[in-house]
Amino acid sequence: MFKAAVLDADNLIPKVLPQAIKSVEVLEGNGGPGTVKLITFGEGSHYKTMKQKVESLDKENLTYCYSIIEGDVLGTTFEKISNEVKITASPEGGSVCKNTSKYFTIGEVEITEEKIKAGKEKASEMFKAIEAHLLANPDAY
């Protein structure tokens, strides 16, 4: 799951969720910390583009931290949104993905539970699509 959802996400996500993510282009860097990516959303999205910056990538501990630093997804509410993704093995088999988000607001802004819930639902949809792809293609990674 880490290889698919993190290491190969730039290639895989536009294939399994083209309505959500049209393309991912590396603008700076080699995929490690400091890398800046331009994500172009698919036709089914309310947004056009966003830029993400890779903060850290730990292949041994299966953690990935990135920040959304630009784009209409931030609106006039957020300066940036930082995410930490950690994938662990599940005792029942499979994987557990934990995502912690930190919202950096512009000025005094109230963040609604509705906005946070919508973001969580999008992330969950993405991981379910990746999981379905991996189950259908067990030798892909």
N, C-alpha and C. Protein backbone atom coordinates (compact mmCIF):
# COMPACT_ATOMS: atom_id res chain seq x y z
N MET A 1 0.83 -1.20 0.00
CA MET A 1 0.00 0.00 0.00
C MET A 1 0.87 1.25 0.00
N PHE A 2 1.96 1.27 0.78
CA PHE A 2 2.84 2.46 0.82
C PHE A 2 3.45 2.72 -0.55
N LYS A 3 3.89 1.66 -1.20
CA LYS A 3 4.48 1.84 -2.53
C LYS A 3 3.47 2.44 -3.50
N ALA A 4 2.25 1.93 -3.47
CA ALA A 4 1.22 2.40 -4.40
C ALA A 4 0.70 3.79 -4.02
N ALA A 5 0.33 3.96 -2.75
CA ALA A 5 -0.35 5.19 -2.30
C ALA A 5 0.59 6.38 -2.12
N VAL A 6 1.89 6.09 -1.93
CA VAL A 6 2.84 7.18 -1.70
C VAL A 6 3.91 7.22 -2.79
N LEU A 7 4.68 6.16 -2.91
CA LEU A 7 5.83 6.18 -3.81
C LEU A 7 5.44 6.26 -5.29
N ASP A 8 4.33 5.63 -5.68
CA ASP A 8 3.91 5.66 -7.08
C ASP A 8 2.61 6.43 -7.28
N ALA A 9 2.22 7.21 -6.29
CA ALA A 9 0.94 7.93 -6.34
C ALA A 9 0.82 8.84 -7.54
N ASP A 10 1.92 9.50 -7.92
CA ASP A 10 1.87 10.44 -9.04
C ASP A 10 1.43 9.77 -10.33
N ASN A 11 1.77 8.49 -10.50
CA ASN A 11 1.38 7.74 -11.69
C ASN A 11 0.06 7.00 -11.50
N LEU A 12 -0.12 6.41 -10.32
CA LEU A 12 -1.26 5.54 -10.09
C LEU A 12 -2.58 6.28 -9.90
N ILE A 13 -2.60 7.33 -9.12
CA ILE A 13 -3.86 8.00 -8.80
C ILE A 13 -4.57 8.54 -10.04
N PRO A 14 -3.87 9.19 -10.98
CA PRO A 14 -4.59 9.62 -12.20
C PRO A 14 -5.18 8.45 -13.00
N LYS A 15 -4.62 7.25 -12.83
CA LYS A 15 -5.15 6.08 -13.54
C LYS A 15 -6.39 5.51 -12.84
N VAL A 16 -6.35 5.43 -11.50
CA VAL A 16 -7.47 4.81 -10.79
C VAL A 16 -8.56 5.81 -10.42
N LEU A 17 -8.26 7.10 -10.39
CA LEU A 17 -9.24 8.14 -10.08
C LEU A 17 -9.11 9.33 -11.05
N PRO A 18 -9.26 9.09 -12.35
CA PRO A 18 -9.06 10.18 -13.31
C PRO A 18 -10.08 11.32 -13.16
N GLN A 19 -11.25 11.01 -12.61
CA GLN A 19 -12.24 12.06 -12.40
C GLN A 19 -11.82 13.00 -11.26
N ALA A 20 -10.95 12.53 -10.37
CA ALA A 20 -10.50 13.35 -9.24
C ALA A 20 -9.16 14.03 -9.54
N ILE A 21 -8.19 13.27 -10.05
CA ILE A 21 -6.85 13.79 -10.34
C ILE A 21 -6.51 13.51 -11.79
N LYS A 22 -6.34 14.57 -12.56
CA LYS A 22 -6.01 14.43 -13.98
C LYS A 22 -4.52 14.14 -14.17
N SER A 23 -3.67 14.89 -13.46
CA SER A 23 -2.23 14.69 -13.63
C SER A 23 -1.46 15.22 -12.43
N VAL A 24 -0.22 14.74 -12.31
CA VAL A 24 0.71 15.21 -11.29
C VAL A 24 2.04 15.47 -12.00
N GLU A 25 2.54 16.69 -11.84
CA GLU A 25 3.79 17.10 -12.49
C GLU A 25 4.78 17.56 -11.42
N VAL A 26 5.98 17.00 -11.45
CA VAL A 26 7.02 17.43 -10.52
C VAL A 26 7.64 18.71 -11.07
N LEU A 27 7.54 19.79 -10.29
CA LEU A 27 8.08 21.09 -10.70
C LEU A 27 9.51 21.29 -10.23
N GLU A 28 9.80 20.77 -9.03
CA GLU A 28 11.14 20.87 -8.44
C GLU A 28 11.42 19.60 -7.67
N GLY A 29 12.67 19.16 -7.68
CA GLY A 29 13.08 18.04 -6.84
C GLY A 29 13.01 16.69 -7.51
N ASN A 30 13.30 15.66 -6.69
CA ASN A 30 13.39 14.29 -7.19
C ASN A 30 12.42 13.34 -6.48
N GLY A 31 11.42 13.89 -5.79
CA GLY A 31 10.45 13.06 -5.08
C GLY A 31 10.66 13.07 -3.58
N GLY A 32 11.87 13.43 -3.13
CA GLY A 32 12.17 13.47 -1.70
C GLY A 32 11.79 14.81 -1.09
N PRO A 33 12.21 15.04 0.15
CA PRO A 33 11.90 16.31 0.82
C PRO A 33 12.31 17.52 -0.02
N GLY A 34 11.43 18.51 -0.05
CA GLY A 34 11.67 19.71 -0.85
C GLY A 34 11.03 19.67 -2.23
N THR A 35 10.62 18.49 -2.67
CA THR A 35 9.99 18.36 -3.99
C THR A 35 8.67 19.12 -4.01
N VAL A 36 8.43 19.83 -5.10
CA VAL A 36 7.17 20.56 -5.29
C VAL A 36 6.46 19.96 -6.50
N LYS A 37 5.17 19.62 -6.30
CA LYS A 37 4.36 19.00 -7.35
C LYS A 37 3.16 19.86 -7.67
N LEU A 38 2.79 19.88 -8.95
CA LEU A 38 1.56 20.53 -9.39
C LEU A 38 0.54 19.44 -9.69
N ILE A 39 -0.56 19.47 -8.95
CA ILE A 39 -1.63 18.51 -9.15
C ILE A 39 -2.75 19.20 -9.91
N THR A 40 -3.15 18.62 -11.03
CA THR A 40 -4.28 19.13 -11.81
C THR A 40 -5.46 18.21 -11.55
N PHE A 41 -6.55 18.78 -11.06
CA PHE A 41 -7.72 17.99 -10.72
C PHE A 41 -8.48 17.59 -11.97
N GLY A 42 -9.24 16.51 -11.85
CA GLY A 42 -10.05 16.00 -12.95
C GLY A 42 -11.32 16.82 -13.13
N GLU A 43 -12.04 16.50 -14.17
CA GLU A 43 -13.26 17.25 -14.51
C GLU A 43 -14.34 17.12 -13.45
N GLY A 44 -14.29 16.08 -12.63
CA GLY A 44 -15.29 15.89 -11.59
C GLY A 44 -15.03 16.68 -10.32
N SER A 45 -13.96 17.44 -10.29
CA SER A 45 -13.58 18.18 -9.09
C SER A 45 -14.09 19.62 -9.12
N HIS A 46 -14.25 20.19 -7.93
CA HIS A 46 -14.62 21.60 -7.80
C HIS A 46 -13.40 22.50 -7.98
N TYR A 47 -12.20 21.90 -7.93
CA TYR A 47 -10.95 22.66 -7.96
C TYR A 47 -10.21 22.45 -9.27
N LYS A 48 -9.27 23.37 -9.56
CA LYS A 48 -8.47 23.26 -10.79
C LYS A 48 -7.10 22.68 -10.52
N THR A 49 -6.31 23.34 -9.66
CA THR A 49 -4.94 22.88 -9.39
C THR A 49 -4.57 23.13 -7.93
N MET A 50 -3.50 22.48 -7.50
CA MET A 50 -2.86 22.78 -6.22
C MET A 50 -1.40 22.38 -6.31
N LYS A 51 -0.60 23.01 -5.46
CA LYS A 51 0.80 22.64 -5.35
C LYS A 51 1.02 21.99 -3.99
N GLN A 52 1.77 20.88 -4.03
CA GLN A 52 2.14 20.18 -2.81
C GLN A 52 3.65 20.22 -2.66
N LYS A 53 4.10 20.32 -1.42
CA LYS A 53 5.52 20.26 -1.12
C LYS A 53 5.77 19.07 -0.21
N VAL A 54 6.70 18.20 -0.61
CA VAL A 54 7.07 17.06 0.21
C VAL A 54 7.92 17.56 1.37
N GLU A 55 7.46 17.29 2.59
CA GLU A 55 8.19 17.71 3.79
C GLU A 55 9.15 16.62 4.26
N SER A 56 8.68 15.38 4.25
CA SER A 56 9.54 14.25 4.63
C SER A 56 8.98 12.97 4.02
N LEU A 57 9.87 12.00 3.84
CA LEU A 57 9.52 10.71 3.28
C LEU A 57 10.40 9.66 3.96
N ASP A 58 9.79 8.77 4.74
CA ASP A 58 10.53 7.75 5.48
C ASP A 58 10.04 6.38 5.02
N LYS A 59 10.78 5.78 4.11
CA LYS A 59 10.38 4.49 3.53
C LYS A 59 10.44 3.35 4.54
N GLU A 60 11.36 3.44 5.51
CA GLU A 60 11.49 2.38 6.52
C GLU A 60 10.32 2.38 7.49
N ASN A 61 9.88 3.56 7.93
CA ASN A 61 8.78 3.67 8.89
C ASN A 61 7.43 3.94 8.22
N LEU A 62 7.42 3.93 6.88
CA LEU A 62 6.21 4.09 6.08
C LEU A 62 5.43 5.36 6.45
N THR A 63 6.17 6.48 6.52
CA THR A 63 5.53 7.77 6.78
C THR A 63 5.87 8.75 5.66
N TYR A 64 4.92 9.63 5.41
CA TYR A 64 5.04 10.62 4.35
C TYR A 64 4.36 11.90 4.82
N CYS A 65 5.09 13.00 4.79
CA CYS A 65 4.53 14.29 5.18
C CYS A 65 4.61 15.24 4.00
N TYR A 66 3.51 15.92 3.75
CA TYR A 66 3.48 16.90 2.66
C TYR A 66 2.55 18.04 3.05
N SER A 67 2.73 19.17 2.38
CA SER A 67 1.87 20.33 2.62
C SER A 67 1.27 20.80 1.31
N ILE A 68 0.02 21.20 1.37
CA ILE A 68 -0.62 21.88 0.25
C ILE A 68 -0.26 23.34 0.43
N ILE A 69 0.49 23.88 -0.53
CA ILE A 69 1.04 25.23 -0.35
C ILE A 69 0.43 26.29 -1.26
N GLU A 70 -0.26 25.86 -2.32
CA GLU A 70 -0.91 26.80 -3.25
C GLU A 70 -2.09 26.12 -3.89
N GLY A 71 -3.01 26.94 -4.39
CA GLY A 71 -4.12 26.41 -5.17
C GLY A 71 -5.46 26.83 -4.65
N ASP A 72 -6.46 26.68 -5.52
CA ASP A 72 -7.80 27.10 -5.14
C ASP A 72 -8.41 26.23 -4.05
N VAL A 73 -7.85 25.08 -3.79
CA VAL A 73 -8.31 24.23 -2.69
C VAL A 73 -8.11 24.93 -1.33
N LEU A 74 -7.14 25.82 -1.24
CA LEU A 74 -6.89 26.56 0.00
C LEU A 74 -7.89 27.70 0.19
N GLY A 75 -8.45 28.18 -0.91
CA GLY A 75 -9.40 29.27 -0.85
C GLY A 75 -8.81 30.50 -0.16
N THR A 76 -9.66 31.23 0.51
CA THR A 76 -9.21 32.41 1.25
C THR A 76 -9.11 32.10 2.74
N THR A 77 -9.29 30.84 3.09
CA THR A 77 -9.30 30.41 4.49
C THR A 77 -7.94 29.94 4.98
N PHE A 78 -7.23 29.18 4.13
CA PHE A 78 -6.02 28.51 4.58
C PHE A 78 -4.75 29.07 3.95
N GLU A 79 -3.72 29.19 4.77
CA GLU A 79 -2.38 29.52 4.28
C GLU A 79 -1.76 28.26 3.69
N LYS A 80 -1.91 27.15 4.42
CA LYS A 80 -1.46 25.84 3.95
C LYS A 80 -2.14 24.77 4.79
N ILE A 81 -2.11 23.54 4.27
CA ILE A 81 -2.60 22.38 5.00
C ILE A 81 -1.49 21.34 4.96
N SER A 82 -1.04 20.92 6.15
CA SER A 82 0.03 19.91 6.24
C SER A 82 -0.58 18.57 6.63
N ASN A 83 -0.09 17.52 6.00
CA ASN A 83 -0.58 16.16 6.23
C ASN A 83 0.56 15.22 6.56
N GLU A 84 0.31 14.35 7.52
CA GLU A 84 1.24 13.27 7.83
C GLU A 84 0.49 11.96 7.61
N VAL A 85 1.01 11.12 6.72
CA VAL A 85 0.41 9.84 6.40
C VAL A 85 1.31 8.75 6.95
N LYS A 86 0.73 7.83 7.71
CA LYS A 86 1.48 6.69 8.25
C LYS A 86 0.70 5.43 7.95
N ILE A 87 1.37 4.47 7.35
CA ILE A 87 0.73 3.19 7.02
C ILE A 87 1.37 2.10 7.87
N THR A 88 0.52 1.31 8.53
CA THR A 88 0.99 0.21 9.36
C THR A 88 0.27 -1.07 8.95
N ALA A 89 0.85 -2.20 9.33
CA ALA A 89 0.23 -3.49 9.05
C ALA A 89 -0.94 -3.69 10.01
N SER A 90 -2.02 -4.22 9.50
CA SER A 90 -3.19 -4.53 10.33
C SER A 90 -3.05 -5.95 10.87
N PRO A 91 -3.42 -6.18 12.14
CA PRO A 91 -3.34 -7.54 12.70
C PRO A 91 -4.19 -8.55 11.92
N GLU A 92 -5.27 -8.06 11.28
CA GLU A 92 -6.15 -8.94 10.51
C GLU A 92 -5.65 -9.13 9.08
N GLY A 93 -4.51 -8.54 8.75
CA GLY A 93 -4.01 -8.56 7.38
C GLY A 93 -4.36 -7.24 6.72
N GLY A 94 -3.64 -6.87 5.72
CA GLY A 94 -3.88 -5.60 5.05
C GLY A 94 -3.15 -4.46 5.74
N SER A 95 -3.64 -3.26 5.54
CA SER A 95 -2.96 -2.06 6.04
C SER A 95 -3.94 -1.11 6.72
N VAL A 96 -3.38 -0.32 7.63
CA VAL A 96 -4.13 0.76 8.27
C VAL A 96 -3.42 2.05 7.90
N CYS A 97 -4.19 2.99 7.39
CA CYS A 97 -3.63 4.28 7.01
C CYS A 97 -4.14 5.34 7.98
N LYS A 98 -3.21 6.04 8.61
CA LYS A 98 -3.58 7.14 9.51
C LYS A 98 -3.08 8.43 8.89
N ASN A 99 -3.99 9.40 8.79
CA ASN A 99 -3.65 10.69 8.21
C ASN A 99 -3.96 11.77 9.24
N THR A 100 -2.95 12.56 9.59
CA THR A 100 -3.13 13.67 10.50
C THR A 100 -2.94 14.96 9.71
N SER A 101 -3.94 15.83 9.77
CA SER A 101 -3.88 17.09 9.04
C SER A 101 -3.80 18.25 10.00
N LYS A 102 -2.99 19.24 9.63
CA LYS A 102 -2.89 20.49 10.39
C LYS A 102 -3.27 21.62 9.44
N TYR A 103 -4.22 22.42 9.88
CA TYR A 103 -4.74 23.51 9.06
C TYR A 103 -4.16 24.83 9.55
N PHE A 104 -3.49 25.54 8.67
CA PHE A 104 -2.91 26.85 8.98
C PHE A 104 -3.80 27.90 8.31
N THR A 105 -4.51 28.64 9.14
CA THR A 105 -5.49 29.58 8.61
C THR A 105 -4.90 30.98 8.42
N ILE A 106 -5.59 31.73 7.60
CA ILE A 106 -5.25 33.14 7.37
C ILE A 106 -6.12 33.95 8.32
N GLY A 107 -5.50 34.56 9.32
CA GLY A 107 -6.26 35.37 10.27
C GLY A 107 -7.15 34.52 11.16
N GLU A 108 -8.15 35.16 11.71
CA GLU A 108 -9.11 34.50 12.60
C GLU A 108 -10.22 33.88 11.78
N VAL A 109 -10.14 32.60 11.55
CA VAL A 109 -11.12 31.91 10.72
C VAL A 109 -11.61 30.68 11.46
N GLU A 110 -12.89 30.45 11.40
CA GLU A 110 -13.45 29.25 12.01
C GLU A 110 -13.50 28.15 10.95
N ILE A 111 -12.93 27.02 11.28
CA ILE A 111 -12.94 25.88 10.36
C ILE A 111 -14.14 25.02 10.72
N THR A 112 -14.99 24.78 9.74
CA THR A 112 -16.19 24.00 10.01
C THR A 112 -15.89 22.51 9.93
N GLU A 113 -16.62 21.77 10.71
CA GLU A 113 -16.52 20.31 10.69
C GLU A 113 -16.86 19.78 9.30
N GLU A 114 -17.73 20.49 8.61
CA GLU A 114 -18.15 20.12 7.27
C GLU A 114 -16.97 20.08 6.29
N LYS A 115 -16.11 21.12 6.34
CA LYS A 115 -14.94 21.18 5.46
C LYS A 115 -13.95 20.06 5.77
N ILE A 116 -13.74 19.80 7.04
CA ILE A 116 -12.80 18.75 7.45
C ILE A 116 -13.35 17.39 7.03
N LYS A 117 -14.64 17.16 7.23
CA LYS A 117 -15.27 15.89 6.86
C LYS A 117 -15.17 15.66 5.35
N ALA A 118 -15.37 16.70 4.57
CA ALA A 118 -15.28 16.57 3.10
C ALA A 118 -13.88 16.16 2.68
N GLY A 119 -12.85 16.75 3.29
CA GLY A 119 -11.47 16.38 2.99
C GLY A 119 -11.17 14.94 3.36
N LYS A 120 -11.67 14.50 4.51
CA LYS A 120 -11.46 13.12 4.95
C LYS A 120 -12.13 12.13 4.00
N GLU A 121 -13.32 12.49 3.53
CA GLU A 121 -14.04 11.61 2.61
C GLU A 121 -13.30 11.45 1.29
N LYS A 122 -12.72 12.53 0.78
CA LYS A 122 -11.94 12.47 -0.47
C LYS A 122 -10.73 11.56 -0.29
N ALA A 123 -10.02 11.71 0.84
CA ALA A 123 -8.84 10.88 1.11
C ALA A 123 -9.24 9.41 1.23
N SER A 124 -10.36 9.14 1.89
CA SER A 124 -10.84 7.77 2.04
C SER A 124 -11.18 7.16 0.69
N GLU A 125 -11.83 7.93 -0.18
CA GLU A 125 -12.15 7.45 -1.53
C GLU A 125 -10.89 7.08 -2.29
N MET A 126 -9.84 7.91 -2.15
CA MET A 126 -8.60 7.65 -2.85
C MET A 126 -7.97 6.33 -2.38
N PHE A 127 -7.90 6.13 -1.06
CA PHE A 127 -7.29 4.91 -0.55
C PHE A 127 -8.12 3.68 -0.90
N LYS A 128 -9.43 3.80 -0.93
CA LYS A 128 -10.27 2.67 -1.33
C LYS A 128 -10.05 2.32 -2.79
N ALA A 129 -9.88 3.33 -3.65
CA ALA A 129 -9.61 3.07 -5.08
C ALA A 129 -8.25 2.40 -5.26
N ILE A 130 -7.26 2.85 -4.50
CA ILE A 130 -5.93 2.23 -4.57
C ILE A 130 -6.00 0.79 -4.07
N GLU A 131 -6.71 0.58 -2.97
CA GLU A 131 -6.87 -0.77 -2.42
C GLU A 131 -7.54 -1.69 -3.45
N ALA A 132 -8.59 -1.22 -4.09
CA ALA A 132 -9.29 -2.02 -5.11
C ALA A 132 -8.35 -2.37 -6.26
N HIS A 133 -7.52 -1.39 -6.67
CA HIS A 133 -6.56 -1.63 -7.74
C HIS A 133 -5.55 -2.71 -7.32
N LEU A 134 -5.06 -2.62 -6.08
CA LEU A 134 -4.08 -3.60 -5.60
C LEU A 134 -4.69 -4.99 -5.48
N LEU A 135 -5.95 -5.07 -5.03
CA LEU A 135 -6.60 -6.38 -4.93
C LEU A 135 -6.83 -6.99 -6.31
N ALA A 136 -7.14 -6.15 -7.29
CA ALA A 136 -7.35 -6.64 -8.66
C ALA A 136 -6.04 -6.94 -9.38
N ASN A 137 -4.96 -6.34 -8.91
CA ASN A 137 -3.63 -6.50 -9.52
C ASN A 137 -2.60 -6.82 -8.44
N PRO A 138 -2.68 -8.01 -7.83
CA PRO A 138 -1.83 -8.31 -6.68
C PRO A 138 -0.33 -8.31 -6.97
N ASP A 139 0.05 -8.46 -8.21
CA ASP A 139 1.49 -8.47 -8.55
C ASP A 139 1.98 -7.11 -9.04
N ALA A 140 1.15 -6.07 -8.94
CA ALA A 140 1.52 -4.75 -9.46
C ALA A 140 2.70 -4.15 -8.70
N TYR A 141 2.80 -4.44 -7.42
CA TYR A 141 3.90 -3.89 -6.61
C TYR A 141 4.58 -5.01 -5.89
